[in-house]
């Protein structure tokens, strides 16, 4: 069974949710979209296979996000 990691990051003014299938080195990035009433939906931003440098980057960002959630 595949293990998934989920994290949130900011890129410029956008908030993204990253869903990473670690076993398959594949990620899906969702962009949080706002309406006048507030957050309403997520839009598929991109999906791609990860290379080793991107895996290191995702791991670092995921771990930082998880640590911030525990505070």
PDB file of N, CA and C in Angstrom:
ATOM      1  N   UNK A   1       0.842  -1.182   0.000  1.00  0.00           N
ATOM      2  CA  UNK A   1       0.000   0.000   0.000  1.00  0.00           C
ATOM      3  C   UNK A   1       0.885   1.241   0.000  1.00  0.00           C
ATOM      4  N   UNK A   2       0.578   2.171  -0.858  1.00  0.00           N
ATOM      5  CA  UNK A   2       1.384   3.387  -0.999  1.00  0.00           C
ATOM      6  C   UNK A   2       1.187   4.307   0.197  1.00  0.00           C
ATOM      7  N   UNK A   3       2.280   4.973   0.577  1.00  0.00           N
ATOM      8  CA  UNK A   3       2.212   5.963   1.644  1.00  0.00           C
ATOM      9  C   UNK A   3       2.170   7.350   1.017  1.00  0.00           C
ATOM     10  N   UNK A   4       1.293   8.180   1.540  1.00  0.00           N
ATOM     11  CA  UNK A   4       1.144   9.537   1.043  1.00  0.00           C
ATOM     12  C   UNK A   4       1.559  10.528   2.113  1.00  0.00           C
ATOM     13  N   UNK A   5       2.241  11.585   1.684  1.00  0.00           N
ATOM     14  CA  UNK A   5       2.560  12.706   2.554  1.00  0.00           C
ATOM     15  C   UNK A   5       1.786  13.902   2.035  1.00  0.00           C
ATOM     16  N   UNK A   6       1.296  14.697   2.965  1.00  0.00           N
ATOM     17  CA  UNK A   6       0.558  15.899   2.601  1.00  0.00           C
ATOM     18  C   UNK A   6       1.210  17.076   3.306  1.00  0.00           C
ATOM     19  N   UNK A   7       1.364  18.165   2.583  1.00  0.00           N
ATOM     20  CA  UNK A   7       1.915  19.378   3.166  1.00  0.00           C
ATOM     21  C   UNK A   7       1.327  20.596   2.495  1.00  0.00           C
ATOM     22  N   UNK A   8       1.482  21.729   3.151  1.00  0.00           N
ATOM     23  CA  UNK A   8       0.995  22.995   2.616  1.00  0.00           C
ATOM     24  C   UNK A   8       2.189  23.921   2.490  1.00  0.00           C
ATOM     25  N   UNK A   9       2.259  24.650   1.375  1.00  0.00           N
ATOM     26  CA  UNK A   9       3.328  25.633   1.217  1.00  0.00           C
ATOM     27  C   UNK A   9       2.789  26.874   0.523  1.00  0.00           C
ATOM     28  N   UNK A  10       3.543  27.938   0.624  1.00  0.00           N
ATOM     29  CA  UNK A  10       3.193  29.200  -0.029  1.00  0.00           C
ATOM     30  C   UNK A  10       4.204  29.451  -1.136  1.00  0.00           C
ATOM     31  N   UNK A  11       3.718  29.831  -2.288  1.00  0.00           N
ATOM     32  CA  UNK A  11       4.542  30.232  -3.412  1.00  0.00           C
ATOM     33  C   UNK A  11       4.010  31.588  -3.860  1.00  0.00           C
ATOM     34  N   UNK A  12       4.746  32.632  -3.529  1.00  0.00           N
ATOM     35  CA  UNK A  12       4.237  33.965  -3.825  1.00  0.00           C
ATOM     36  C   UNK A  12       2.991  34.215  -3.001  1.00  0.00           C
ATOM     37  N   UNK A  13       1.891  34.566  -3.671  1.00  0.00           N
ATOM     38  CA  UNK A  13       0.623  34.810  -2.968  1.00  0.00           C
ATOM     39  C   UNK A  13      -0.279  33.596  -2.958  1.00  0.00           C
ATOM     40  N   UNK A  14       0.151  32.502  -3.541  1.00  0.00           N
ATOM     41  CA  UNK A  14      -0.684  31.300  -3.617  1.00  0.00           C
ATOM     42  C   UNK A  14      -0.352  30.304  -2.514  1.00  0.00           C
ATOM     43  N   UNK A  15      -1.373  29.622  -2.045  1.00  0.00           N
ATOM     44  CA  UNK A  15      -1.216  28.531  -1.087  1.00  0.00           C
ATOM     45  C   UNK A  15      -1.443  27.226  -1.831  1.00  0.00           C
ATOM     46  N   UNK A  16      -0.505  26.287  -1.664  1.00  0.00           N
ATOM     47  CA  UNK A  16      -0.597  24.997  -2.350  1.00  0.00           C
ATOM     48  C   UNK A  16      -0.660  23.857  -1.346  1.00  0.00           C
ATOM     49  N   UNK A  17      -1.409  22.840  -1.718  1.00  0.00           N
ATOM     50  CA  UNK A  17      -1.420  21.576  -0.986  1.00  0.00           C
ATOM     51  C   UNK A  17      -0.684  20.578  -1.867  1.00  0.00           C
ATOM     52  N   UNK A  18       0.339  19.952  -1.300  1.00  0.00           N
ATOM     53  CA  UNK A  18       1.133  18.969  -2.036  1.00  0.00           C
ATOM     54  C   UNK A  18       0.788  17.583  -1.500  1.00  0.00           C
ATOM     55  N   UNK A  19       0.369  16.706  -2.380  1.00  0.00           N
ATOM     56  CA  UNK A  19       0.093  15.306  -2.040  1.00  0.00           C
ATOM     57  C   UNK A  19       1.158  14.486  -2.746  1.00  0.00           C
ATOM     58  N   UNK A  20       1.968  13.819  -1.945  1.00  0.00           N
ATOM     59  CA  UNK A  20       3.145  13.120  -2.459  1.00  0.00           C
ATOM     60  C   UNK A  20       3.001  11.624  -2.211  1.00  0.00           C
ATOM     61  N   UNK A  21       2.969  10.841  -3.279  1.00  0.00           N
ATOM     62  CA  UNK A  21       2.971   9.376  -3.194  1.00  0.00           C
ATOM     63  C   UNK A  21       4.437   8.949  -3.131  1.00  0.00           C
ATOM     64  N   UNK A  22       4.942   8.793  -1.912  1.00  0.00           N
ATOM     65  CA  UNK A  22       6.377   8.574  -1.709  1.00  0.00           C
ATOM     66  C   UNK A  22       6.892   7.311  -2.393  1.00  0.00           C
ATOM     67  N   UNK A  23       6.133   6.262  -2.335  1.00  0.00           N
ATOM     68  CA  UNK A  23       6.565   4.991  -2.910  1.00  0.00           C
ATOM     69  C   UNK A  23       6.748   5.074  -4.426  1.00  0.00           C
ATOM     70  N   UNK A  24       5.999   5.982  -5.044  1.00  0.00           N
ATOM     71  CA  UNK A  24       6.035   6.102  -6.507  1.00  0.00           C
ATOM     72  C   UNK A  24       6.763   7.360  -6.977  1.00  0.00           C
ATOM     73  N   UNK A  25       7.284   8.161  -6.035  1.00  0.00           N
ATOM     74  CA  UNK A  25       7.975   9.416  -6.375  1.00  0.00           C
ATOM     75  C   UNK A  25       7.129  10.270  -7.316  1.00  0.00           C
ATOM     76  N   UNK A  26       5.877  10.450  -6.923  1.00  0.00           N
ATOM     77  CA  UNK A  26       4.933  11.213  -7.727  1.00  0.00           C
ATOM     78  C   UNK A  26       4.202  12.202  -6.838  1.00  0.00           C
ATOM     79  N   UNK A  27       4.000  13.426  -7.319  1.00  0.00           N
ATOM     80  CA  UNK A  27       3.326  14.452  -6.524  1.00  0.00           C
ATOM     81  C   UNK A  27       2.223  15.126  -7.320  1.00  0.00           C
ATOM     82  N   UNK A  28       1.187  15.519  -6.596  1.00  0.00           N
ATOM     83  CA  UNK A  28       0.092  16.306  -7.137  1.00  0.00           C
ATOM     84  C   UNK A  28       0.056  17.596  -6.331  1.00  0.00           C
ATOM     85  N   UNK A  29      -0.033  18.723  -7.023  1.00  0.00           N
ATOM     86  CA  UNK A  29      -0.069  20.022  -6.356  1.00  0.00           C
ATOM     87  C   UNK A  29      -1.421  20.668  -6.636  1.00  0.00           C
ATOM     88  N   UNK A  30      -2.124  21.013  -5.553  1.00  0.00           N
ATOM     89  CA  UNK A  30      -3.417  21.672  -5.653  1.00  0.00           C
ATOM     90  C   UNK A  30      -3.279  23.116  -5.204  1.00  0.00           C
ATOM     91  N   UNK A  31      -3.872  24.042  -5.940  1.00  0.00           N
ATOM     92  CA  UNK A  31      -3.841  25.459  -5.581  1.00  0.00           C
ATOM     93  C   UNK A  31      -5.156  25.817  -4.901  1.00  0.00           C
ATOM     94  N   UNK A  32      -5.055  26.435  -3.727  1.00  0.00           N
ATOM     95  CA  UNK A  32      -6.230  26.857  -2.978  1.00  0.00           C
ATOM     96  C   UNK A  32      -6.793  28.109  -3.644  1.00  0.00           C
ATOM     97  N   UNK A  33      -8.061  28.076  -3.968  1.00  0.00           N
ATOM     98  CA  UNK A  33      -8.707  29.202  -4.631  1.00  0.00           C
ATOM     99  C   UNK A  33      -9.725  29.833  -3.687  1.00  0.00           C
ATOM    100  N   UNK A  34      -9.748  31.147  -3.687  1.00  0.00           N
ATOM    101  CA  UNK A  34     -10.644  31.895  -2.807  1.00  0.00           C
ATOM    102  C   UNK A  34     -11.752  32.545  -3.619  1.00  0.00           C
ATOM    103  N   UNK A  35     -12.893  32.711  -2.971  1.00  0.00           N
ATOM    104  CA  UNK A  35     -13.991  33.488  -3.535  1.00  0.00           C
ATOM    105  C   UNK A  35     -14.272  34.613  -2.548  1.00  0.00           C
ATOM    106  N   UNK A  36     -15.229  35.427  -2.834  1.00  0.00           N
ATOM    107  CA  UNK A  36     -15.571  36.514  -1.913  1.00  0.00           C
ATOM    108  C   UNK A  36     -16.048  35.972  -0.568  1.00  0.00           C
ATOM    109  N   UNK A  37     -16.556  34.756  -0.555  1.00  0.00           N
ATOM    110  CA  UNK A  37     -17.035  34.141   0.677  1.00  0.00           C
ATOM    111  C   UNK A  37     -15.924  33.409   1.427  1.00  0.00           C
ATOM    112  N   UNK A  38     -14.718  33.379   0.897  1.00  0.00           N
ATOM    113  CA  UNK A  38     -13.600  32.695   1.545  1.00  0.00           C
ATOM    114  C   UNK A  38     -13.123  31.517   0.717  1.00  0.00           C
ATOM    115  N   UNK A  39     -12.308  30.616   1.338  1.00  0.00           N
ATOM    116  CA  UNK A  39     -11.794  29.466   0.583  1.00  0.00           C
ATOM    117  C   UNK A  39     -12.938  28.559   0.150  1.00  0.00           C
ATOM    118  N   UNK A  40     -12.953  28.216  -1.111  1.00  0.00           N
ATOM    119  CA  UNK A  40     -14.062  27.433  -1.625  1.00  0.00           C
ATOM    120  C   UNK A  40     -13.667  26.140  -2.326  1.00  0.00           C
ATOM    121  N   UNK A  41     -12.514  26.119  -2.971  1.00  0.00           N
ATOM    122  CA  UNK A  41     -12.166  24.919  -3.729  1.00  0.00           C
ATOM    123  C   UNK A  41     -10.670  24.871  -3.983  1.00  0.00           C
ATOM    124  N   UNK A  42     -10.217  23.722  -4.452  1.00  0.00           N
ATOM    125  CA  UNK A  42      -8.828  23.512  -4.826  1.00  0.00           C
ATOM    126  C   UNK A  42      -8.782  23.183  -6.306  1.00  0.00           C
ATOM    127  N   UNK A  43      -7.814  23.738  -6.980  1.00  0.00           N
ATOM    128  CA  UNK A  43      -7.646  23.550  -8.410  1.00  0.00           C
ATOM    129  C   UNK A  43      -6.359  22.775  -8.656  1.00  0.00           C
ATOM    130  N   UNK A  44      -6.411  21.777  -9.531  1.00  0.00           N
ATOM    131  CA  UNK A  44      -5.199  21.038  -9.870  1.00  0.00           C
ATOM    132  C   UNK A  44      -4.208  21.993 -10.521  1.00  0.00           C
ATOM    133  N   UNK A  45      -3.062  22.174  -9.879  1.00  0.00           N
ATOM    134  CA  UNK A  45      -2.027  23.067 -10.405  1.00  0.00           C
ATOM    135  C   UNK A  45      -1.086  22.284 -11.317  1.00  0.00           C
ATOM    136  N   UNK A  46      -0.590  21.138 -10.807  1.00  0.00           N
ATOM    137  CA  UNK A  46       0.317  20.312 -11.592  1.00  0.00           C
ATOM    138  C   UNK A  46       0.440  18.943 -10.945  1.00  0.00           C
ATOM    139  N   UNK A  47       1.017  18.016 -11.674  1.00  0.00           N
ATOM    140  CA  UNK A  47       1.328  16.679 -11.171  1.00  0.00           C
ATOM    141  C   UNK A  47       2.558  16.203 -11.935  1.00  0.00           C
ATOM    142  N   UNK A  48       3.498  15.589 -11.221  1.00  0.00           N
ATOM    143  CA  UNK A  48       4.719  15.171 -11.904  1.00  0.00           C
ATOM    144  C   UNK A  48       5.506  14.137 -11.112  1.00  0.00           C
ATOM    145  N   UNK A  49       6.374  13.438 -11.815  1.00  0.00           N
ATOM    146  CA  UNK A  49       7.314  12.508 -11.194  1.00  0.00           C
ATOM    147  C   UNK A  49       8.450  13.318 -10.581  1.00  0.00           C
ATOM    148  N   UNK A  50       8.938  12.877  -9.444  1.00  0.00           N
ATOM    149  CA  UNK A  50       9.960  13.630  -8.720  1.00  0.00           C
ATOM    150  C   UNK A  50      11.352  13.102  -8.992  1.00  0.00           C
ATOM    151  N   UNK A  51      12.298  14.015  -9.084  1.00  0.00           N
ATOM    152  CA  UNK A  51      13.719  13.673  -9.171  1.00  0.00           C
ATOM    153  C   UNK A  51      14.312  13.779  -7.777  1.00  0.00           C
ATOM    154  N   UNK A  52      15.533  13.304  -7.622  1.00  0.00           N
ATOM    155  CA  UNK A  52      16.137  13.240  -6.285  1.00  0.00           C
ATOM    156  C   UNK A  52      16.220  14.609  -5.619  1.00  0.00           C
ATOM    157  N   UNK A  53      16.571  15.674  -6.353  1.00  0.00           N
ATOM    158  CA  UNK A  53      16.672  16.988  -5.711  1.00  0.00           C
ATOM    159  C   UNK A  53      15.303  17.506  -5.280  1.00  0.00           C
ATOM    160  N   UNK A  54      14.252  17.182  -6.035  1.00  0.00           N
ATOM    161  CA  UNK A  54      12.908  17.602  -5.662  1.00  0.00           C
ATOM    162  C   UNK A  54      12.420  16.804  -4.462  1.00  0.00           C
ATOM    163  N   UNK A  55      12.785  15.544  -4.371  1.00  0.00           N
ATOM    164  CA  UNK A  55      12.424  14.730  -3.208  1.00  0.00           C
ATOM    165  C   UNK A  55      13.030  15.335  -1.945  1.00  0.00           C
ATOM    166  N   UNK A  56      14.302  15.752  -2.022  1.00  0.00           N
ATOM    167  CA  UNK A  56      14.941  16.390  -0.859  1.00  0.00           C
ATOM    168  C   UNK A  56      14.203  17.677  -0.479  1.00  0.00           C
ATOM    169  N   UNK A  57      13.846  18.464  -1.474  1.00  0.00           N
ATOM    170  CA  UNK A  57      13.130  19.720  -1.236  1.00  0.00           C
ATOM    171  C   UNK A  57      11.759  19.450  -0.607  1.00  0.00           C
ATOM    172  N   UNK A  58      11.011  18.497  -1.157  1.00  0.00           N
ATOM    173  CA  UNK A  58       9.695  18.154  -0.618  1.00  0.00           C
ATOM    174  C   UNK A  58       9.817  17.637   0.805  1.00  0.00           C
ATOM    175  N   UNK A  59      10.815  16.803   1.061  1.00  0.00           N
ATOM    176  CA  UNK A  59      11.010  16.267   2.404  1.00  0.00           C
ATOM    177  C   UNK A  59      11.256  17.391   3.398  1.00  0.00           C
ATOM    178  N   UNK A  60      12.108  18.322   3.037  1.00  0.00           N
ATOM    179  CA  UNK A  60      12.426  19.452   3.912  1.00  0.00           C
ATOM    180  C   UNK A  60      11.182  20.305   4.177  1.00  0.00           C
ATOM    181  N   UNK A  61      10.431  20.628   3.124  1.00  0.00           N
ATOM    182  CA  UNK A  61       9.224  21.441   3.277  1.00  0.00           C
ATOM    183  C   UNK A  61       8.155  20.708   4.086  1.00  0.00           C
ATOM    184  N   UNK A  62       7.981  19.417   3.826  1.00  0.00           N
ATOM    185  CA  UNK A  62       6.984  18.632   4.557  1.00  0.00           C
ATOM    186  C   UNK A  62       7.322  18.571   6.039  1.00  0.00           C
ATOM    187  N   UNK A  63       8.591  18.310   6.352  1.00  0.00           N
ATOM    188  CA  UNK A  63       9.003  18.216   7.751  1.00  0.00           C
ATOM    189  C   UNK A  63       8.839  19.552   8.478  1.00  0.00           C
ATOM    190  N   UNK A  64       9.156  20.649   7.786  1.00  0.00           N
ATOM    191  CA  UNK A  64       8.977  21.977   8.383  1.00  0.00           C
ATOM    192  C   UNK A  64       7.492  22.259   8.622  1.00  0.00           C
ATOM    193  N   UNK A  65       6.644  21.892   7.688  1.00  0.00           N
ATOM    194  CA  UNK A  65       5.205  22.110   7.845  1.00  0.00           C
ATOM    195  C   UNK A  65       4.659  21.275   8.998  1.00  0.00           C
ATOM    196  N   UNK A  66       5.079  20.017   9.090  1.00  0.00           N
ATOM    197  CA  UNK A  66       4.624  19.156  10.194  1.00  0.00           C
ATOM    198  C   UNK A  66       5.070  19.697  11.550  1.00  0.00           C
ATOM    199  N   UNK A  67       6.310  20.185  11.633  1.00  0.00           N
ATOM    200  CA  UNK A  67       6.822  20.747  12.884  1.00  0.00           C
ATOM    201  C   UNK A  67       5.998  21.981  13.282  1.00  0.00           C
ATOM    202  N   UNK A  68       5.635  22.798  12.310  1.00  0.00           N
ATOM    203  CA  UNK A  68       4.842  23.992  12.599  1.00  0.00           C
ATOM    204  C   UNK A  68       3.435  23.618  13.076  1.00  0.00           C
ATOM    205  N   UNK A  69       2.901  22.494  12.601  1.00  0.00           N
ATOM    206  CA  UNK A  69       1.564  22.055  13.011  1.00  0.00           C
ATOM    207  C   UNK A  69       1.542  21.599  14.466  1.00  0.00           C
ATOM    208  N   UNK A  70       2.671  21.118  14.968  1.00  0.00           N
ATOM    209  CA  UNK A  70       2.759  20.606  16.347  1.00  0.00           C
ATOM    210  C   UNK A  70       2.846  21.741  17.367  1.00  0.00           C
ATOM    211  N   UNK A  71       3.256  22.930  16.934  1.00  0.00           N
ATOM    212  CA  UNK A  71       3.397  24.060  17.863  1.00  0.00           C
ATOM    213  C   UNK A  71       2.065  24.577  18.327  1.00  0.00           C
TER     214      UNK A  71
END
